[in-house]
Amino acid sequence: MTKVWDELLRRVQSWPENAQQELAQVALEIEAELNRGHYHAAPDELAGIDRGLSDIAKGKFASAEDIESMFAKHRQK
């Protein structure tokens, strides 16, 4: 299928601007339908997720004891 799409996209570049825009709009509508109900994180959210995954990979996370201690301190306030 990749070859079919590559060839089609090559030909689309020679289409009139309005035809290209129409194809893009149809593709965006299909994509929106496919993604309906799915959440797309904002760039800053994605960056936070990446930081968290990096910290996990480096072993930077709180132990169960650390978390319980933090909650215990918070309950005392």
N, C-alpha and C. Protein backbone atom coordinates (compact mmCIF):
# COMPACT_ATOMS: atom_id res chain seq x y z
N MET A 1 0.82 -1.20 0.00
CA MET A 1 0.00 0.00 0.00
C MET A 1 0.86 1.26 0.00
N THR A 2 2.06 1.18 0.60
CA THR A 2 2.93 2.35 0.67
C THR A 2 3.27 2.85 -0.73
N LYS A 3 3.55 1.95 -1.65
CA LYS A 3 3.87 2.38 -3.02
C LYS A 3 2.70 3.10 -3.66
N VAL A 4 1.49 2.61 -3.41
CA VAL A 4 0.29 3.25 -3.97
C VAL A 4 0.17 4.67 -3.43
N TRP A 5 0.35 4.84 -2.10
CA TRP A 5 0.25 6.17 -1.49
C TRP A 5 1.36 7.09 -1.97
N ASP A 6 2.58 6.56 -2.06
CA ASP A 6 3.70 7.38 -2.54
C ASP A 6 3.42 7.90 -3.94
N GLU A 7 2.92 7.04 -4.79
CA GLU A 7 2.62 7.44 -6.18
C GLU A 7 1.47 8.45 -6.21
N LEU A 8 0.45 8.20 -5.43
CA LEU A 8 -0.69 9.12 -5.40
C LEU A 8 -0.26 10.49 -4.88
N LEU A 9 0.51 10.52 -3.80
CA LEU A 9 0.96 11.80 -3.26
C LEU A 9 1.84 12.56 -4.24
N ARG A 10 2.63 11.82 -5.01
CA ARG A 10 3.45 12.47 -6.04
C ARG A 10 2.54 13.14 -7.08
N ARG A 11 1.50 12.44 -7.50
CA ARG A 11 0.59 13.00 -8.51
C ARG A 11 -0.23 14.15 -7.95
N VAL A 12 -0.62 14.05 -6.68
CA VAL A 12 -1.44 15.10 -6.06
C VAL A 12 -0.74 16.44 -6.13
N GLN A 13 0.58 16.44 -6.07
CA GLN A 13 1.33 17.70 -6.12
C GLN A 13 1.10 18.47 -7.41
N SER A 14 0.67 17.77 -8.47
CA SER A 14 0.41 18.45 -9.74
C SER A 14 -1.05 18.88 -9.88
N TRP A 15 -1.88 18.52 -8.93
CA TRP A 15 -3.29 18.90 -8.98
C TRP A 15 -3.44 20.40 -8.72
N PRO A 16 -4.56 20.97 -9.19
CA PRO A 16 -4.84 22.37 -8.86
C PRO A 16 -4.98 22.54 -7.34
N GLU A 17 -4.67 23.72 -6.86
CA GLU A 17 -4.69 24.02 -5.42
C GLU A 17 -6.02 23.65 -4.77
N ASN A 18 -7.13 23.99 -5.43
CA ASN A 18 -8.44 23.71 -4.82
C ASN A 18 -8.69 22.21 -4.68
N ALA A 19 -8.20 21.42 -5.62
CA ALA A 19 -8.35 19.96 -5.53
C ALA A 19 -7.49 19.40 -4.40
N GLN A 20 -6.28 19.94 -4.22
CA GLN A 20 -5.42 19.52 -3.12
C GLN A 20 -6.08 19.85 -1.77
N GLN A 21 -6.67 21.04 -1.68
CA GLN A 21 -7.33 21.43 -0.44
C GLN A 21 -8.52 20.53 -0.14
N GLU A 22 -9.25 20.17 -1.18
CA GLU A 22 -10.40 19.29 -1.00
C GLU A 22 -9.96 17.92 -0.49
N LEU A 23 -8.90 17.38 -1.08
CA LEU A 23 -8.37 16.09 -0.63
C LEU A 23 -7.91 16.18 0.83
N ALA A 24 -7.22 17.25 1.17
CA ALA A 24 -6.75 17.44 2.54
C ALA A 24 -7.93 17.51 3.51
N GLN A 25 -8.99 18.21 3.13
CA GLN A 25 -10.17 18.33 3.99
C GLN A 25 -10.82 16.97 4.21
N VAL A 26 -10.94 16.20 3.15
CA VAL A 26 -11.53 14.86 3.28
C VAL A 26 -10.68 13.99 4.20
N ALA A 27 -9.36 14.06 4.02
CA ALA A 27 -8.46 13.28 4.86
C ALA A 27 -8.57 13.69 6.33
N LEU A 28 -8.68 14.99 6.58
CA LEU A 28 -8.83 15.48 7.95
C LEU A 28 -10.16 15.03 8.57
N GLU A 29 -11.20 14.99 7.77
CA GLU A 29 -12.50 14.52 8.26
C GLU A 29 -12.44 13.03 8.60
N ILE A 30 -11.78 12.25 7.76
CA ILE A 30 -11.62 10.82 8.04
C ILE A 30 -10.82 10.63 9.32
N GLU A 31 -9.74 11.39 9.45
CA GLU A 31 -8.90 11.30 10.64
C GLU A 31 -9.68 11.66 11.90
N ALA A 32 -10.47 12.72 11.82
CA ALA A 32 -11.28 13.14 12.97
C ALA A 32 -12.26 12.05 13.36
N GLU A 33 -12.86 11.40 12.38
CA GLU A 33 -13.79 10.31 12.65
C GLU A 33 -13.07 9.14 13.32
N LEU A 34 -11.88 8.82 12.85
CA LEU A 34 -11.11 7.72 13.43
C LEU A 34 -10.68 8.02 14.86
N ASN A 35 -10.42 9.30 15.14
CA ASN A 35 -9.92 9.70 16.45
C ASN A 35 -11.01 10.13 17.42
N ARG A 36 -12.23 10.05 17.00
CA ARG A 36 -13.33 10.51 17.85
C ARG A 36 -13.28 9.78 19.20
N GLY A 37 -13.31 10.57 20.25
CA GLY A 37 -13.29 10.00 21.58
C GLY A 37 -11.89 9.75 22.12
N HIS A 38 -10.88 10.04 21.35
CA HIS A 38 -9.50 9.85 21.81
C HIS A 38 -8.94 11.19 22.26
N TYR A 39 -8.19 11.17 23.33
CA TYR A 39 -7.58 12.39 23.85
C TYR A 39 -6.21 12.58 23.23
N HIS A 40 -5.92 13.79 22.81
CA HIS A 40 -4.60 14.13 22.27
C HIS A 40 -3.94 15.11 23.23
N ALA A 41 -2.85 14.66 23.82
CA ALA A 41 -2.14 15.49 24.79
C ALA A 41 -1.53 16.71 24.11
N ALA A 42 -1.49 17.82 24.86
CA ALA A 42 -0.86 19.05 24.40
C ALA A 42 0.66 18.88 24.47
N PRO A 43 1.40 19.69 23.71
CA PRO A 43 2.87 19.57 23.72
C PRO A 43 3.49 19.63 25.11
N ASP A 44 2.98 20.51 25.98
CA ASP A 44 3.55 20.57 27.33
C ASP A 44 3.24 19.32 28.14
N GLU A 45 2.09 18.72 27.89
CA GLU A 45 1.75 17.46 28.55
C GLU A 45 2.66 16.33 28.07
N LEU A 46 2.90 16.30 26.77
CA LEU A 46 3.80 15.29 26.21
C LEU A 46 5.21 15.44 26.77
N ALA A 47 5.64 16.68 26.94
CA ALA A 47 6.97 16.93 27.51
C ALA A 47 7.03 16.41 28.95
N GLY A 48 5.97 16.61 29.71
CA GLY A 48 5.91 16.11 31.07
C GLY A 48 5.93 14.59 31.12
N ILE A 49 5.23 13.97 30.21
CA ILE A 49 5.24 12.51 30.12
C ILE A 49 6.65 12.02 29.80
N ASP A 50 7.30 12.68 28.85
CA ASP A 50 8.67 12.31 28.49
C ASP A 50 9.61 12.45 29.69
N ARG A 51 9.46 13.53 30.47
CA ARG A 51 10.29 13.72 31.66
C ARG A 51 10.06 12.59 32.65
N GLY A 52 8.80 12.24 32.86
CA GLY A 52 8.47 11.17 33.78
C GLY A 52 9.05 9.83 33.33
N LEU A 53 8.93 9.52 32.06
CA LEU A 53 9.48 8.27 31.54
C LEU A 53 11.00 8.25 31.66
N SER A 54 11.61 9.38 31.42
CA SER A 54 13.06 9.48 31.56
C SER A 54 13.48 9.27 33.02
N ASP A 55 12.74 9.88 33.94
CA ASP A 55 13.04 9.70 35.36
C ASP A 55 12.89 8.24 35.77
N ILE A 56 11.85 7.59 35.28
CA ILE A 56 11.66 6.17 35.59
C ILE A 56 12.83 5.35 35.07
N ALA A 57 13.25 5.63 33.84
CA ALA A 57 14.37 4.89 33.24
C ALA A 57 15.65 5.09 34.05
N LYS A 58 15.79 6.25 34.69
CA LYS A 58 16.98 6.54 35.50
C LYS A 58 16.82 6.07 36.94
N GLY A 59 15.67 5.47 37.24
CA GLY A 59 15.44 4.99 38.60
C GLY A 59 15.04 6.08 39.57
N LYS A 60 14.63 7.23 39.06
CA LYS A 60 14.23 8.36 39.91
C LYS A 60 12.73 8.28 40.20
N PHE A 61 12.37 7.55 41.22
CA PHE A 61 10.98 7.52 41.62
C PHE A 61 10.90 7.24 43.11
N ALA A 62 9.79 7.63 43.70
CA ALA A 62 9.61 7.49 45.14
C ALA A 62 9.27 6.04 45.47
N SER A 63 9.78 5.60 46.60
CA SER A 63 9.42 4.27 47.09
C SER A 63 8.04 4.34 47.72
N ALA A 64 7.46 3.20 47.99
CA ALA A 64 6.16 3.16 48.66
C ALA A 64 6.27 3.83 50.03
N GLU A 65 7.41 3.62 50.69
CA GLU A 65 7.62 4.23 52.01
C GLU A 65 7.68 5.75 51.91
N ASP A 66 8.35 6.27 50.88
CA ASP A 66 8.42 7.72 50.67
C ASP A 66 7.03 8.31 50.47
N ILE A 67 6.23 7.62 49.69
CA ILE A 67 4.87 8.12 49.40
C ILE A 67 4.02 8.10 50.66
N GLU A 68 4.08 7.00 51.41
CA GLU A 68 3.31 6.90 52.65
C GLU A 68 3.74 7.98 53.63
N SER A 69 5.03 8.25 53.74
CA SER A 69 5.54 9.28 54.62
C SER A 69 5.00 10.65 54.23
N MET A 70 4.98 10.92 52.94
CA MET A 70 4.47 12.20 52.46
C MET A 70 2.99 12.35 52.80
N PHE A 71 2.21 11.30 52.62
CA PHE A 71 0.78 11.38 52.95
C PHE A 71 0.59 11.52 54.46
N ALA A 72 1.40 10.82 55.24
CA ALA A 72 1.30 10.92 56.70
C ALA A 72 1.56 12.34 57.15
N LYS A 73 2.56 12.98 56.59
CA LYS A 73 2.87 14.37 56.95
C LYS A 73 1.70 15.28 56.56
N HIS A 74 1.11 15.03 55.41
CA HIS A 74 0.02 15.86 54.93
C HIS A 74 -1.22 15.69 55.82
N ARG A 75 -1.47 14.48 56.28
CA ARG A 75 -2.63 14.23 57.14
C ARG A 75 -2.48 14.93 58.50
N GLN A 76 -1.24 15.11 58.93
CA GLN A 76 -0.98 15.73 60.24
C GLN A 76 -1.25 17.23 60.22
N LYS A 77 -1.26 17.83 59.05
CA LYS A 77 -1.44 19.29 58.96
C LYS A 77 -2.86 19.70 59.20
